Amino acid sequence: MTERAVSRRRQALFLLFFLPGIALSSWVTRTPDVRDQLGLSTGQMGLVLFGLSVGSMIGILCSGRFVSRFGTRPVIALGTLLIIVGTAVIGAGSAVPSASLVTVGLCLFGAGMGGGEVAVNVDGADVERITGTAVLPTLHGCFSLGTVIGGSAGMAATAAAVPVSWHLAVVALAATGILVHAMRAVPTGIGISISAAPSTPAPGPGPGPGPGPAQRPGPRVWKDRKLLLIGAIVLAMALAEGAANDWLPLLMVDGHGLDAAMGSLVYVGFAAAMTLGRFSGTYFLGRFGRAAVVRASAVSGAVGLLLVIFSDNAAVAATAVLFWGLGASLGFPVALSAAGDSGPDQTARVSLVAIIGYVAFLVGPPALGFLGDHYGLRSAMVVVLVFVASAILIAPAADTRDRATAAVDVPHPTSPSTEDR
């Protein structure tokens, strides 16, 4: 693959992370309006969000098999298309109004996120391997940038009382244009396998070959203690991010007495903190190493959650959301890079940790609605706080290589000239 083709592919992946960020934040900022239009309680809203969990699990469970059989490109295309269709259906459900239709839309959205984004992460790990440069933190930064832009537009639409259906229809139309443009630069033939078939280890102590259809990792990948600890880190930090994406506007409205527009503004602040953390992450990784960065991130996230949950001052809680966002920003991408460096079968390791992350990100938060219905959303977030605090203790698992090489979060890079696909 030529240098120009790799550059175009990297830019396409940036767009393919940017797009779901816009779509997700557009929905999130309108959750108070959708909840009111549907006339639902917090527990009933949790049932609607359960559609997101069901779709996510379907997408996540199918992603590895589909990527192994068809490669990343068709899985990315189908997953992103489902996100777009799901966004449009959510808008239609809010217009009817129909809780069932919104649930179906969230199911489609979740299936697209669960399947497509795992494939994009695998493709991003392959670009890291080819170029020898850190890509995943910036990719996830583009997702967060999308949430900032989508959240800002959603806040404006909320303040201007724009109907949810019109707002989400415009988002779906814009996302379609981004998808058509980006897919032109995504190559075919990138595949993985995460079956339990016997593995053929790569020679030497370093990671095995990059993404390719021939690699079939075995039970060793699923039983690797170091990899599972990395998975626990990404589970905690992805849950912290997903909880904010599902519940933060409602948390600020119901738990701290803000109006819907101000609740959306607080969410935009969270997304901005996430974006700042991810785009600055490469510098801090190179200077301090993965374990220190993960530990500092977990401390920041825990402090932010602690203040949001237990402070009765709305201004303090809103400010604490920035610490929550900074803390949640790097756990997911850093864990993915650490997984790729943790042993043979790089792509299967990345895929396994990505699956754990997306389960936490997409499936975990809707369950908080049932707790919120009984104890309030602020109390429900204690669960998230416990997970994030645990990441402080297991942060050393993220150091899978010498600190001297931490600035380049990829296994032994291969020159692009030798990777001409």
Protein backbone atom coordinates (compact mmCIF):
# COMPACT_ATOMS: atom_id res chain seq x y z
CA MET A 1 0.00 0.00 0.00
CA THR A 2 1.48 3.35 -1.04
CA GLU A 3 2.05 6.20 1.40
CA ARG A 4 -0.71 8.23 -0.24
CA ALA A 5 -3.16 5.32 0.01
CA VAL A 6 -2.32 4.83 3.70
CA SER A 7 -2.87 8.55 4.33
CA ARG A 8 -6.26 8.46 2.58
CA ARG A 9 -7.19 5.34 4.52
CA ARG A 10 -6.27 6.97 7.84
CA GLN A 11 -8.35 10.06 6.99
CA ALA A 12 -11.27 7.84 6.03
CA LEU A 13 -11.07 6.08 9.40
CA PHE A 14 -11.06 9.47 11.12
CA LEU A 15 -14.34 10.27 9.34
CA LEU A 16 -15.79 6.86 10.17
CA PHE A 17 -15.17 7.54 13.87
CA PHE A 18 -16.36 11.15 13.57
CA LEU A 19 -19.71 10.08 12.07
CA PRO A 20 -21.03 7.88 14.92
CA GLY A 21 -19.88 10.53 17.39
CA ILE A 22 -22.18 13.07 15.71
CA ALA A 23 -25.05 10.59 15.49
CA LEU A 24 -24.77 9.41 19.09
CA SER A 25 -24.51 12.88 20.61
CA SER A 26 -27.41 14.11 18.48
CA TRP A 27 -29.59 11.44 20.07
CA VAL A 28 -28.16 11.93 23.57
CA THR A 29 -28.78 15.68 23.68
CA ARG A 30 -32.43 15.10 22.75
CA THR A 31 -33.10 12.35 25.34
CA PRO A 32 -34.95 14.73 27.73
CA ASP A 33 -37.20 15.85 24.86
CA VAL A 34 -37.75 12.28 23.64
CA ARG A 35 -38.50 11.11 27.18
CA ASP A 36 -41.07 13.89 27.59
CA GLN A 37 -42.64 13.29 24.17
CA LEU A 38 -43.02 9.59 24.93
CA GLY A 39 -44.22 10.31 28.49
CA LEU A 40 -41.84 7.78 30.08
CA SER A 41 -40.40 7.36 33.57
CA THR A 42 -36.67 6.76 34.14
CA GLY A 43 -37.25 3.01 34.37
CA GLN A 44 -39.35 2.98 31.20
CA MET A 45 -36.64 5.00 29.46
CA GLY A 46 -34.21 2.31 30.56
CA LEU A 47 -36.41 -0.25 28.80
CA VAL A 48 -36.29 1.83 25.62
CA LEU A 49 -32.52 2.06 25.91
CA PHE A 50 -32.47 -1.71 26.30
CA GLY A 51 -33.06 -1.77 22.54
CA LEU A 52 -29.59 -0.26 22.22
CA SER A 53 -28.20 -3.09 24.36
CA VAL A 54 -29.90 -5.81 22.32
CA GLY A 55 -28.71 -4.36 19.04
CA SER A 56 -25.22 -3.82 20.42
CA MET A 57 -24.89 -7.42 21.57
CA ILE A 58 -26.03 -8.68 18.16
CA GLY A 59 -23.49 -6.46 16.41
CA ILE A 60 -20.67 -7.27 18.82
CA LEU A 61 -21.24 -11.03 18.70
CA CYS A 62 -21.37 -11.03 14.89
CA SER A 63 -18.50 -8.61 14.27
CA GLY A 64 -15.58 -11.01 14.65
CA ARG A 65 -17.14 -13.70 12.48
CA PHE A 66 -18.18 -11.22 9.79
CA VAL A 67 -14.79 -9.51 9.69
CA SER A 68 -13.08 -12.88 9.50
CA ARG A 69 -15.24 -13.95 6.58
CA PHE A 70 -15.77 -10.74 4.65
CA GLY A 71 -13.01 -8.35 5.84
CA THR A 72 -13.41 -5.03 7.61
CA ARG A 73 -14.67 -2.95 4.67
CA PRO A 74 -18.18 -4.46 4.22
CA VAL A 75 -18.66 -4.72 7.99
CA ILE A 76 -17.73 -1.06 8.44
CA ALA A 77 -20.08 -0.06 5.60
CA LEU A 78 -23.02 -2.11 6.91
CA GLY A 79 -22.47 -1.03 10.51
CA THR A 80 -22.31 2.66 9.62
CA LEU A 81 -25.39 2.34 7.42
CA LEU A 82 -27.29 0.81 10.34
CA ILE A 83 -26.25 3.76 12.52
CA ILE A 84 -27.69 6.15 9.92
CA VAL A 85 -30.93 4.19 9.50
CA GLY A 86 -31.27 3.85 13.27
CA THR A 87 -30.88 7.61 13.72
CA ALA A 88 -33.66 8.24 11.21
CA VAL A 89 -35.97 5.66 12.83
CA ILE A 90 -35.40 7.19 16.30
CA GLY A 91 -36.45 10.55 14.86
CA ALA A 92 -39.55 9.01 13.29
CA GLY A 93 -40.43 7.28 16.57
CA SER A 94 -40.25 10.56 18.45
CA ALA A 95 -42.58 12.20 15.92
CA VAL A 96 -45.33 9.55 16.08
CA PRO A 97 -44.70 9.28 19.14
CA SER A 98 -43.95 5.59 19.61
CA ALA A 99 -41.69 4.11 22.27
CA SER A 100 -41.57 0.85 20.27
CA LEU A 101 -40.31 2.60 17.16
CA VAL A 102 -37.65 4.49 19.13
CA THR A 103 -36.58 1.15 20.64
CA VAL A 104 -36.28 -0.39 17.16
CA GLY A 105 -34.23 2.60 16.03
CA LEU A 106 -31.90 2.22 19.01
CA CYS A 107 -31.58 -1.51 18.27
CA LEU A 108 -30.46 -0.74 14.70
CA PHE A 109 -28.15 1.99 15.99
CA GLY A 110 -26.61 -0.37 18.55
CA ALA A 111 -26.10 -3.14 15.99
CA GLY A 112 -24.27 -0.69 13.76
CA MET A 113 -22.09 0.63 16.57
CA GLY A 114 -21.36 -2.81 18.00
CA GLY A 115 -20.39 -4.36 14.68
CA GLY A 116 -19.03 -1.50 12.63
CA GLU A 117 -16.89 0.18 15.27
CA VAL A 118 -15.12 -3.06 16.23
CA ALA A 119 -14.18 -3.40 12.55
CA VAL A 120 -12.96 0.22 12.40
CA ASN A 121 -10.76 -0.39 15.46
CA VAL A 122 -9.24 -3.48 13.79
CA ASP A 123 -8.59 -1.43 10.65
CA GLY A 124 -7.05 1.33 12.77
CA ALA A 125 -4.75 -1.17 14.47
CA ASP A 126 -3.60 -2.31 11.02
CA VAL A 127 -2.79 1.30 10.06
CA GLU A 128 -0.77 1.62 13.28
CA ARG A 129 1.17 -1.49 12.36
CA ILE A 130 1.88 -0.26 8.81
CA THR A 131 2.84 3.32 9.67
CA GLY A 132 4.56 2.85 13.02
CA THR A 133 2.64 5.80 14.47
CA ALA A 134 -0.08 6.06 17.12
CA VAL A 135 -3.47 6.16 15.41
CA LEU A 136 -6.06 4.77 17.85
CA PRO A 137 -6.02 7.66 20.37
CA THR A 138 -6.58 10.12 17.52
CA LEU A 139 -9.30 7.91 16.01
CA HIS A 140 -11.17 7.91 19.30
CA GLY A 141 -10.47 11.64 19.53
CA CYS A 142 -12.35 12.06 16.25
CA PHE A 143 -15.30 10.23 17.81
CA SER A 144 -15.20 12.66 20.72
CA LEU A 145 -14.86 15.61 18.35
CA GLY A 146 -17.98 14.34 16.61
CA THR A 147 -19.79 14.25 19.94
CA VAL A 148 -18.77 17.87 20.60
CA ILE A 149 -20.09 19.05 17.24
CA GLY A 150 -23.20 16.89 17.35
CA GLY A 151 -23.83 17.83 20.98
CA SER A 152 -23.45 21.54 20.24
CA ALA A 153 -25.91 21.27 17.36
CA GLY A 154 -28.25 19.26 19.58
CA MET A 155 -28.05 21.88 22.33
CA ALA A 156 -28.89 24.60 19.81
CA ALA A 157 -31.76 22.54 18.41
CA THR A 158 -33.08 21.96 21.94
CA ALA A 159 -32.90 25.66 22.80
CA ALA A 160 -34.63 26.56 19.51
CA ALA A 161 -37.32 23.90 20.07
CA VAL A 162 -36.51 22.21 16.74
CA PRO A 163 -38.53 18.97 16.50
CA VAL A 164 -36.42 15.91 17.25
CA SER A 165 -37.54 14.24 14.01
CA TRP A 166 -36.32 17.14 11.86
CA HIS A 167 -33.04 17.36 13.74
CA LEU A 168 -32.24 13.65 13.43
CA ALA A 169 -33.31 13.55 9.77
CA VAL A 170 -30.73 16.22 8.94
CA VAL A 171 -28.08 14.29 10.89
CA ALA A 172 -28.89 11.09 8.98
CA LEU A 173 -28.65 12.90 5.64
CA ALA A 174 -25.27 14.47 6.48
CA ALA A 175 -23.96 11.13 7.80
CA THR A 176 -24.89 9.43 4.52
CA GLY A 177 -22.69 11.86 2.60
CA ILE A 178 -19.77 11.24 4.98
CA LEU A 179 -20.14 7.47 4.62
CA VAL A 180 -20.15 7.53 0.81
CA HIS A 181 -17.04 9.73 0.75
CA ALA A 182 -15.07 7.78 3.39
CA MET A 183 -15.66 4.24 2.10
CA ARG A 184 -13.77 4.97 -1.12
CA ALA A 185 -10.45 4.89 0.77
CA VAL A 186 -11.04 1.77 2.91
CA PRO A 187 -9.28 -1.23 1.34
CA THR A 188 -10.65 -4.75 1.03
CA GLY A 189 -9.00 -7.86 2.38
CA ILE A 190 -8.41 -6.87 6.03
CA GLY A 191 -9.79 -9.72 8.12
CA ILE A 192 -9.42 -11.48 11.47
CA SER A 193 -10.61 -14.56 13.21
CA ILE A 194 -11.44 -14.89 16.90
CA SER A 195 -12.54 -18.49 16.92
CA ALA A 196 -11.34 -21.01 19.42
CA ALA A 197 -9.41 -23.02 16.87
CA PRO A 198 -5.82 -23.94 17.72
CA SER A 199 -3.46 -21.05 17.27
CA THR A 200 -0.23 -20.98 15.32
CA PRO A 201 2.01 -18.64 17.31
CA ALA A 202 4.25 -16.16 15.60
CA PRO A 203 7.99 -16.71 16.06
CA GLY A 204 9.85 -14.69 18.64
CA PRO A 205 8.61 -12.76 21.66
CA GLY A 206 6.97 -9.91 19.76
CA PRO A 207 3.41 -9.62 18.49
CA GLY A 208 2.34 -11.75 15.58
CA PRO A 209 1.43 -10.66 12.09
CA GLY A 210 -1.07 -7.90 11.51
CA PRO A 211 -4.64 -8.35 10.36
CA GLY A 212 -5.03 -11.18 7.93
CA PRO A 213 -7.52 -13.94 7.30
CA ALA A 214 -5.09 -16.73 8.16
CA GLN A 215 -4.61 -15.87 11.86
CA ARG A 216 -6.80 -18.02 14.11
CA PRO A 217 -6.05 -17.32 17.78
CA GLY A 218 -6.84 -20.07 20.19
CA PRO A 219 -7.87 -20.36 23.81
CA ARG A 220 -4.58 -18.72 24.86
CA VAL A 221 -5.96 -15.31 23.81
CA TRP A 222 -9.13 -15.74 25.85
CA LYS A 223 -7.23 -17.10 28.88
CA ASP A 224 -4.34 -14.63 28.81
CA ARG A 225 -4.40 -13.04 32.30
CA LYS A 226 -2.59 -9.89 31.17
CA LEU A 227 -5.05 -9.42 28.31
CA LEU A 228 -8.03 -9.90 30.61
CA LEU A 229 -6.68 -7.25 32.98
CA ILE A 230 -6.37 -4.90 30.01
CA GLY A 231 -9.97 -5.83 29.18
CA ALA A 232 -10.99 -4.93 32.73
CA ILE A 233 -9.43 -1.48 32.28
CA VAL A 234 -11.29 -0.84 29.05
CA LEU A 235 -14.52 -2.18 30.60
CA ALA A 236 -14.32 0.34 33.45
CA MET A 237 -13.38 3.33 31.30
CA ALA A 238 -15.78 2.51 28.47
CA LEU A 239 -18.59 2.16 31.02
CA ALA A 240 -17.72 5.64 32.33
CA GLU A 241 -17.91 7.05 28.80
CA GLY A 242 -21.06 5.14 27.88
CA ALA A 243 -22.86 6.13 31.08
CA ALA A 244 -22.31 9.80 30.26
CA ASN A 245 -23.40 9.30 26.65
CA ASP A 246 -26.64 7.63 27.72
CA TRP A 247 -27.57 9.49 30.88
CA LEU A 248 -25.63 12.72 31.45
CA PRO A 249 -28.25 15.20 30.15
CA LEU A 250 -31.00 13.43 32.12
CA LEU A 251 -28.68 13.15 35.14
CA MET A 252 -28.18 16.91 35.17
CA VAL A 253 -31.89 17.60 34.56
CA ASP A 254 -33.35 15.13 37.06
CA GLY A 255 -30.48 14.93 39.54
CA HIS A 256 -29.31 18.55 39.66
CA GLY A 257 -32.36 20.55 38.53
CA LEU A 258 -30.99 22.01 35.27
CA ASP A 259 -33.23 22.62 32.27
CA ALA A 260 -32.87 20.53 29.11
CA ALA A 261 -30.69 23.06 27.25
CA MET A 262 -28.28 23.39 30.19
CA GLY A 263 -28.18 19.61 30.55
CA SER A 264 -27.13 19.39 26.91
CA LEU A 265 -24.49 22.09 27.51
CA VAL A 266 -22.98 20.03 30.33
CA TYR A 267 -22.85 17.03 27.99
CA VAL A 268 -21.03 19.16 25.40
CA GLY A 269 -18.52 20.05 28.13
CA PHE A 270 -18.01 16.34 28.82
CA ALA A 271 -17.48 15.66 25.11
CA ALA A 272 -15.03 18.57 24.83
CA ALA A 273 -13.00 17.20 27.76
CA MET A 274 -12.97 13.78 26.10
CA THR A 275 -11.74 15.34 22.86
CA LEU A 276 -8.98 17.30 24.60
CA GLY A 277 -7.82 14.20 26.47
CA ARG A 278 -7.67 12.05 23.36
CA PHE A 279 -5.93 14.51 21.06
CA SER A 280 -3.30 15.27 23.73
CA GLY A 281 -2.93 11.64 24.72
CA THR A 282 0.01 10.77 22.47
CA TYR A 283 2.20 13.39 24.17
CA PHE A 284 1.44 12.13 27.68
CA LEU A 285 1.85 8.50 26.64
CA GLY A 286 5.29 9.23 25.26
CA ARG A 287 6.34 11.19 28.34
CA PHE A 288 4.91 9.09 31.15
CA GLY A 289 3.98 5.68 29.73
CA ARG A 290 0.70 3.85 29.55
CA ALA A 291 0.33 2.75 33.18
CA ALA A 292 0.80 6.27 34.58
CA VAL A 293 -1.61 7.73 32.03
CA VAL A 294 -4.28 5.10 32.74
CA ARG A 295 -3.89 5.58 36.50
CA ALA A 296 -4.13 9.37 36.24
CA SER A 297 -7.15 9.02 33.94
CA ALA A 298 -8.91 6.72 36.39
CA VAL A 299 -8.20 9.10 39.29
CA SER A 300 -9.60 12.02 37.30
CA GLY A 301 -12.69 10.06 36.31
CA ALA A 302 -13.29 8.87 39.86
CA VAL A 303 -12.98 12.41 41.29
CA GLY A 304 -15.38 13.73 38.67
CA LEU A 305 -17.95 11.01 39.32
CA LEU A 306 -17.61 11.44 43.08
CA LEU A 307 -18.49 15.14 42.86
CA VAL A 308 -21.31 14.62 40.35
CA ILE A 309 -22.88 11.97 42.58
CA PHE A 310 -22.45 13.49 46.02
CA SER A 311 -22.35 17.27 45.51
CA ASP A 312 -25.68 19.06 45.78
CA ASN A 313 -24.27 22.15 44.08
CA ALA A 314 -25.21 22.09 40.38
CA ALA A 315 -22.27 24.31 39.40
CA VAL A 316 -19.78 22.02 41.17
CA ALA A 317 -21.36 18.95 39.54
CA ALA A 318 -21.26 20.57 36.10
CA THR A 319 -17.59 21.45 36.54
CA ALA A 320 -16.81 17.96 37.82
CA VAL A 321 -18.14 16.54 34.55
CA LEU A 322 -14.97 17.91 32.91
CA PHE A 323 -12.84 15.69 35.19
CA TRP A 324 -15.13 12.79 34.36
CA GLY A 325 -14.61 13.40 30.64
CA LEU A 326 -10.83 13.78 30.89
CA GLY A 327 -10.66 10.62 32.96
CA ALA A 328 -12.70 8.53 30.54
CA SER A 329 -10.92 9.79 27.43
CA LEU A 330 -7.86 7.57 27.11
CA GLY A 331 -8.81 4.27 28.74
CA PHE A 332 -10.40 2.75 25.63
CA PRO A 333 -7.77 3.64 22.98
CA VAL A 334 -4.77 3.04 25.27
CA ALA A 335 -6.11 -0.38 26.24
CA LEU A 336 -6.57 -1.28 22.57
CA SER A 337 -2.97 -0.36 21.81
CA ALA A 338 -1.78 -2.27 24.88
CA ALA A 339 -3.77 -5.32 23.77
CA GLY A 340 -2.08 -5.25 20.37
CA ASP A 341 1.34 -5.30 22.04
CA SER A 342 0.54 -7.98 24.62
CA GLY A 343 1.45 -11.05 22.56
CA PRO A 344 0.87 -13.00 19.35
CA ASP A 345 -2.33 -12.74 17.29
CA GLN A 346 -2.41 -8.96 17.49
CA THR A 347 -5.70 -8.44 15.67
CA ALA A 348 -7.54 -11.04 17.74
CA ARG A 349 -6.27 -9.38 20.92
CA VAL A 350 -7.40 -5.96 19.71
CA SER A 351 -10.76 -7.41 18.67
CA LEU A 352 -11.31 -9.13 22.02
CA VAL A 353 -10.59 -5.97 24.02
CA ALA A 354 -12.68 -3.89 21.58
CA ILE A 355 -15.60 -6.28 22.11
CA ILE A 356 -15.28 -5.95 25.90
CA GLY A 357 -15.14 -2.19 25.52
CA TYR A 358 -18.20 -1.94 23.32
CA VAL A 359 -20.18 -4.27 25.60
CA ALA A 360 -19.42 -1.89 28.48
CA PHE A 361 -19.98 1.22 26.35
CA LEU A 362 -23.25 0.19 24.72
CA VAL A 363 -24.78 -2.55 26.86
CA GLY A 364 -23.87 -1.52 30.42
CA PRO A 365 -25.34 1.99 30.64
CA PRO A 366 -28.97 1.10 29.81
CA ALA A 367 -29.00 -1.18 32.86
CA LEU A 368 -28.32 1.91 34.97
CA GLY A 369 -31.83 3.10 34.11
CA PHE A 370 -33.38 0.34 36.22
CA LEU A 371 -31.24 1.35 39.18
CA GLY A 372 -32.04 5.00 38.50
CA ASP A 373 -35.78 4.28 38.59
CA HIS A 374 -35.48 2.89 42.12
CA TYR A 375 -32.66 4.94 43.64
CA GLY A 376 -32.23 7.96 41.33
CA LEU A 377 -29.67 8.45 38.57
CA ARG A 378 -27.10 10.00 40.87
CA SER A 379 -27.11 6.92 43.10
CA ALA A 380 -27.00 4.61 40.07
CA MET A 381 -23.71 6.20 39.01
CA VAL A 382 -22.05 4.74 42.12
CA VAL A 383 -21.73 1.52 40.10
CA VAL A 384 -19.70 3.39 37.48
CA LEU A 385 -17.59 5.00 40.20
CA VAL A 386 -16.67 1.59 41.64
CA PHE A 387 -15.53 0.30 38.25
CA VAL A 388 -13.47 3.42 37.49
CA ALA A 389 -11.83 3.32 40.93
CA SER A 390 -10.85 -0.31 40.33
CA ALA A 391 -8.99 0.75 37.17
CA ILE A 392 -6.58 2.72 39.38
CA LEU A 393 -5.39 -0.56 40.90
CA ILE A 394 -5.01 -2.53 37.66
CA ALA A 395 -3.46 0.27 35.59
CA PRO A 396 0.01 -1.43 35.51
CA ALA A 397 -1.46 -4.08 33.17
CA ALA A 398 -1.46 -1.43 30.41
CA ASP A 399 2.37 -1.40 30.33
CA THR A 400 2.95 -4.15 27.79
CA ARG A 401 6.20 -2.68 26.44
CA ASP A 402 9.16 -0.62 27.57
CA ARG A 403 8.39 3.01 28.33
CA ALA A 404 10.90 4.08 25.74
CA THR A 405 8.63 2.82 23.00
CA ALA A 406 5.35 4.00 24.51
CA ALA A 407 5.15 7.02 22.24
CA VAL A 408 4.58 4.68 19.30
CA ASP A 409 1.69 2.52 20.45
CA VAL A 410 2.09 -0.22 17.88
CA PRO A 411 3.97 -3.47 17.57
CA HIS A 412 7.06 -3.71 15.41
CA PRO A 413 6.13 -1.51 12.43
CA THR A 414 6.41 -2.71 8.89
CA SER A 415 7.41 -0.36 6.11
CA PRO A 416 4.47 0.62 3.90
CA SER A 417 6.46 -0.46 0.86
CA THR A 418 6.35 -4.06 2.07
CA GLU A 419 2.66 -3.98 2.84
CA ASP A 420 1.37 -3.33 -0.66
CA ARG A 421 -1.99 -5.02 -0.66
